Amino acid sequence: MPDTLLDRINRAEKRGLIKEAQQFIQCRTLRNEIAHEYMPENILVIFKQV
């Protein structure tokens, strides 16, 4: 079974390719919130997070 993106991010951190896996994971989570947000009242909250 292929690795998940989270597996690859964590492996990149262990190999020293990226500094903090958690930061990449947070960016990915925020990207998903932006891409899938359909409630206009939440847009300002997401904008402030970005």
PDB file of N, CA and C in Angstrom:
ATOM      1  N   MET A   1       0.849  -1.177   0.000  1.00  0.00           N
ATOM      2  CA  MET A   1       0.000   0.000   0.000  1.00  0.00           C
ATOM      3  C   MET A   1       0.897   1.244   0.000  1.00  0.00           C
ATOM      4  N   PRO A   2       0.570   2.240  -0.823  1.00  0.00           N
ATOM      5  CA  PRO A   2       1.396   3.456  -0.882  1.00  0.00           C
ATOM      6  C   PRO A   2       1.314   4.277   0.413  1.00  0.00           C
ATOM      7  N   ASP A   3       2.372   5.015   0.657  1.00  0.00           N
ATOM      8  CA  ASP A   3       2.398   5.880   1.839  1.00  0.00           C
ATOM      9  C   ASP A   3       1.409   7.026   1.688  1.00  0.00           C
ATOM     10  N   THR A   4       0.902   7.488   2.820  1.00  0.00           N
ATOM     11  CA  THR A   4       0.050   8.666   2.806  1.00  0.00           C
ATOM     12  C   THR A   4       0.933   9.908   2.746  1.00  0.00           C
ATOM     13  N   LEU A   5       0.325  11.030   2.458  1.00  0.00           N
ATOM     14  CA  LEU A   5       1.072  12.281   2.443  1.00  0.00           C
ATOM     15  C   LEU A   5       1.662  12.560   3.822  1.00  0.00           C
ATOM     16  N   LEU A   6       0.923  12.264   4.862  1.00  0.00           N
ATOM     17  CA  LEU A   6       1.430  12.484   6.222  1.00  0.00           C
ATOM     18  C   LEU A   6       2.660  11.619   6.493  1.00  0.00           C
ATOM     19  N   ASP A   7       2.652  10.382   5.998  1.00  0.00           N
ATOM     20  CA  ASP A   7       3.824   9.507   6.147  1.00  0.00           C
ATOM     21  C   ASP A   7       5.037  10.130   5.453  1.00  0.00           C
ATOM     22  N   ARG A   8       4.836  10.645   4.257  1.00  0.00           N
ATOM     23  CA  ARG A   8       5.939  11.242   3.505  1.00  0.00           C
ATOM     24  C   ARG A   8       6.454  12.512   4.176  1.00  0.00           C
ATOM     25  N   ILE A   9       5.548  13.310   4.727  1.00  0.00           N
ATOM     26  CA  ILE A   9       5.967  14.525   5.439  1.00  0.00           C
ATOM     27  C   ILE A   9       6.807  14.154   6.658  1.00  0.00           C
ATOM     28  N   ASN A  10       6.332  13.195   7.426  1.00  0.00           N
ATOM     29  CA  ASN A  10       7.073  12.767   8.622  1.00  0.00           C
ATOM     30  C   ASN A  10       8.434  12.182   8.258  1.00  0.00           C
ATOM     31  N   ARG A  11       8.497  11.423   7.187  1.00  0.00           N
ATOM     32  CA  ARG A  11       9.763  10.853   6.743  1.00  0.00           C
ATOM     33  C   ARG A  11      10.720  11.952   6.277  1.00  0.00           C
ATOM     34  N   ALA A  12      10.194  12.965   5.603  1.00  0.00           N
ATOM     35  CA  ALA A  12      11.035  14.088   5.152  1.00  0.00           C
ATOM     36  C   ALA A  12      11.647  14.810   6.351  1.00  0.00           C
ATOM     37  N   GLU A  13      10.884  14.940   7.423  1.00  0.00           N
ATOM     38  CA  GLU A  13      11.418  15.573   8.634  1.00  0.00           C
ATOM     39  C   GLU A  13      12.541  14.714   9.231  1.00  0.00           C
ATOM     40  N   LYS A  14      12.323  13.424   9.313  1.00  0.00           N
ATOM     41  CA  LYS A  14      13.342  12.527   9.871  1.00  0.00           C
ATOM     42  C   LYS A  14      14.627  12.556   9.055  1.00  0.00           C
ATOM     43  N   ARG A  15      14.511  12.742   7.761  1.00  0.00           N
ATOM     44  CA  ARG A  15      15.682  12.792   6.885  1.00  0.00           C
ATOM     45  C   ARG A  15      16.320  14.178   6.828  1.00  0.00           C
ATOM     46  N   GLY A  16      15.700  15.139   7.487  1.00  0.00           N
ATOM     47  CA  GLY A  16      16.258  16.482   7.519  1.00  0.00           C
ATOM     48  C   GLY A  16      15.927  17.326   6.298  1.00  0.00           C
ATOM     49  N   LEU A  17      14.959  16.882   5.506  1.00  0.00           N
ATOM     50  CA  LEU A  17      14.572  17.636   4.316  1.00  0.00           C
ATOM     51  C   LEU A  17      13.695  18.838   4.653  1.00  0.00           C
ATOM     52  N   ILE A  18      12.938  18.707   5.724  1.00  0.00           N
ATOM     53  CA  ILE A  18      12.127  19.821   6.223  1.00  0.00           C
ATOM     54  C   ILE A  18      12.384  19.959   7.714  1.00  0.00           C
ATOM     55  N   LYS A  19      12.169  21.166   8.215  1.00  0.00           N
ATOM     56  CA  LYS A  19      12.468  21.437   9.613  1.00  0.00           C
ATOM     57  C   LYS A  19      11.409  20.862  10.557  1.00  0.00           C
ATOM     58  N   GLU A  20      10.151  21.161  10.277  1.00  0.00           N
ATOM     59  CA  GLU A  20       9.077  20.743  11.174  1.00  0.00           C
ATOM     60  C   GLU A  20       7.918  20.142  10.387  1.00  0.00           C
ATOM     61  N   ALA A  21       7.679  18.868  10.580  1.00  0.00           N
ATOM     62  CA  ALA A  21       6.565  18.199   9.911  1.00  0.00           C
ATOM     63  C   ALA A  21       5.240  18.823  10.334  1.00  0.00           C
ATOM     64  N   GLN A  22       5.135  19.193  11.599  1.00  0.00           N
ATOM     65  CA  GLN A  22       3.875  19.731  12.112  1.00  0.00           C
ATOM     66  C   GLN A  22       3.467  20.992  11.367  1.00  0.00           C
ATOM     67  N   GLN A  23       4.419  21.823  11.003  1.00  0.00           N
ATOM     68  CA  GLN A  23       4.106  23.053  10.272  1.00  0.00           C
ATOM     69  C   GLN A  23       3.527  22.719   8.893  1.00  0.00           C
ATOM     70  N   PHE A  24       4.094  21.738   8.214  1.00  0.00           N
ATOM     71  CA  PHE A  24       3.560  21.309   6.924  1.00  0.00           C
ATOM     72  C   PHE A  24       2.156  20.747   7.085  1.00  0.00           C
ATOM     73  N   ILE A  25       1.944  19.995   8.148  1.00  0.00           N
ATOM     74  CA  ILE A  25       0.632  19.397   8.403  1.00  0.00           C
ATOM     75  C   ILE A  25      -0.395  20.492   8.679  1.00  0.00           C
ATOM     76  N   GLN A  26      -0.016  21.513   9.437  1.00  0.00           N
ATOM     77  CA  GLN A  26      -0.925  22.628   9.700  1.00  0.00           C
ATOM     78  C   GLN A  26      -1.281  23.368   8.418  1.00  0.00           C
ATOM     79  N   CYS A  27      -0.308  23.560   7.539  1.00  0.00           N
ATOM     80  CA  CYS A  27      -0.563  24.211   6.250  1.00  0.00           C
ATOM     81  C   CYS A  27      -1.530  23.385   5.420  1.00  0.00           C
ATOM     82  N   ARG A  28      -1.345  22.096   5.436  1.00  0.00           N
ATOM     83  CA  ARG A  28      -2.223  21.204   4.676  1.00  0.00           C
ATOM     84  C   ARG A  28      -3.647  21.258   5.229  1.00  0.00           C
ATOM     85  N   THR A  29      -3.786  21.259   6.545  1.00  0.00           N
ATOM     86  CA  THR A  29      -5.103  21.344   7.170  1.00  0.00           C
ATOM     87  C   THR A  29      -5.786  22.650   6.817  1.00  0.00           C
ATOM     88  N   LEU A  30      -5.042  23.739   6.890  1.00  0.00           N
ATOM     89  CA  LEU A  30      -5.598  25.051   6.548  1.00  0.00           C
ATOM     90  C   LEU A  30      -6.000  25.095   5.084  1.00  0.00           C
ATOM     91  N   ARG A  31      -5.180  24.530   4.212  1.00  0.00           N
ATOM     92  CA  ARG A  31      -5.515  24.469   2.788  1.00  0.00           C
ATOM     93  C   ARG A  31      -6.823  23.720   2.567  1.00  0.00           C
ATOM     94  N   ASN A  32      -7.009  22.620   3.283  1.00  0.00           N
ATOM     95  CA  ASN A  32      -8.252  21.857   3.158  1.00  0.00           C
ATOM     96  C   ASN A  32      -9.450  22.658   3.653  1.00  0.00           C
ATOM     97  N   GLU A  33      -9.273  23.401   4.724  1.00  0.00           N
ATOM     98  CA  GLU A  33     -10.363  24.248   5.227  1.00  0.00           C
ATOM     99  C   GLU A  33     -10.744  25.298   4.192  1.00  0.00           C
ATOM    100  N   ILE A  34      -9.742  25.902   3.570  1.00  0.00           N
ATOM    101  CA  ILE A  34      -9.994  26.921   2.558  1.00  0.00           C
ATOM    102  C   ILE A  34     -10.722  26.302   1.363  1.00  0.00           C
ATOM    103  N   ALA A  35     -10.245  25.165   0.915  1.00  0.00           N
ATOM    104  CA  ALA A  35     -10.797  24.532  -0.283  1.00  0.00           C
ATOM    105  C   ALA A  35     -12.217  24.023  -0.081  1.00  0.00           C
ATOM    106  N   HIS A  36     -12.573  23.697   1.149  1.00  0.00           N
ATOM    107  CA  HIS A  36     -13.868  23.070   1.391  1.00  0.00           C
ATOM    108  C   HIS A  36     -14.808  23.919   2.234  1.00  0.00           C
ATOM    109  N   GLU A  37     -14.504  25.190   2.386  1.00  0.00           N
ATOM    110  CA  GLU A  37     -15.341  26.070   3.203  1.00  0.00           C
ATOM    111  C   GLU A  37     -16.459  26.646   2.344  1.00  0.00           C
ATOM    112  N   TYR A  38     -17.671  26.389   2.758  1.00  0.00           N
ATOM    113  CA  TYR A  38     -18.826  26.870   2.009  1.00  0.00           C
ATOM    114  C   TYR A  38     -19.687  27.848   2.808  1.00  0.00           C
ATOM    115  N   MET A  39     -19.316  28.105   4.053  1.00  0.00           N
ATOM    116  CA  MET A  39     -20.101  29.006   4.893  1.00  0.00           C
ATOM    117  C   MET A  39     -19.419  30.366   4.917  1.00  0.00           C
ATOM    118  N   PRO A  40     -20.010  31.366   4.281  1.00  0.00           N
ATOM    119  CA  PRO A  40     -19.377  32.683   4.166  1.00  0.00           C
ATOM    120  C   PRO A  40     -18.975  33.304   5.500  1.00  0.00           C
ATOM    121  N   GLU A  41     -19.700  33.029   6.566  1.00  0.00           N
ATOM    122  CA  GLU A  41     -19.369  33.628   7.858  1.00  0.00           C
ATOM    123  C   GLU A  41     -18.053  33.088   8.414  1.00  0.00           C
ATOM    124  N   ASN A  42     -17.574  31.961   7.920  1.00  0.00           N
ATOM    125  CA  ASN A  42     -16.312  31.396   8.387  1.00  0.00           C
ATOM    126  C   ASN A  42     -15.114  31.869   7.579  1.00  0.00           C
ATOM    127  N   ILE A  43     -15.346  32.523   6.474  1.00  0.00           N
ATOM    128  CA  ILE A  43     -14.261  32.957   5.607  1.00  0.00           C
ATOM    129  C   ILE A  43     -13.334  33.932   6.334  1.00  0.00           C
ATOM    130  N   LEU A  44     -13.862  34.854   7.106  1.00  0.00           N
ATOM    131  CA  LEU A  44     -13.029  35.826   7.824  1.00  0.00           C
ATOM    132  C   LEU A  44     -12.119  35.124   8.836  1.00  0.00           C
ATOM    133  N   VAL A  45     -12.619  34.132   9.517  1.00  0.00           N
ATOM    134  CA  VAL A  45     -11.825  33.372  10.480  1.00  0.00           C
ATOM    135  C   VAL A  45     -10.660  32.689   9.765  1.00  0.00           C
ATOM    136  N   ILE A  46     -10.943  32.060   8.640  1.00  0.00           N
ATOM    137  CA  ILE A  46      -9.893  31.380   7.880  1.00  0.00           C
ATOM    138  C   ILE A  46      -8.894  32.398   7.340  1.00  0.00           C
ATOM    139  N   PHE A  47      -9.386  33.529   6.860  1.00  0.00           N
ATOM    140  CA  PHE A  47      -8.498  34.571   6.337  1.00  0.00           C
ATOM    141  C   PHE A  47      -7.501  35.027   7.418  1.00  0.00           C
ATOM    142  N   LYS A  48      -7.952  35.181   8.631  1.00  0.00           N
ATOM    143  CA  LYS A  48      -7.065  35.597   9.724  1.00  0.00           C
ATOM    144  C   LYS A  48      -6.032  34.509  10.035  1.00  0.00           C
ATOM    145  N   GLN A  49      -6.398  33.237   9.869  1.00  0.00           N
ATOM    146  CA  GLN A  49      -5.448  32.148  10.107  1.00  0.00           C
ATOM    147  C   GLN A  49      -4.345  32.145   9.058  1.00  0.00           C
ATOM    148  N   VAL A  50      -4.716  32.502   7.845  1.00  0.00           N
ATOM    149  CA  VAL A  50      -3.721  32.518   6.760  1.00  0.00           C
ATOM    150  C   VAL A  50      -2.766  33.631   7.012  1.00  0.00           C
TER     151      VAL A  50
END
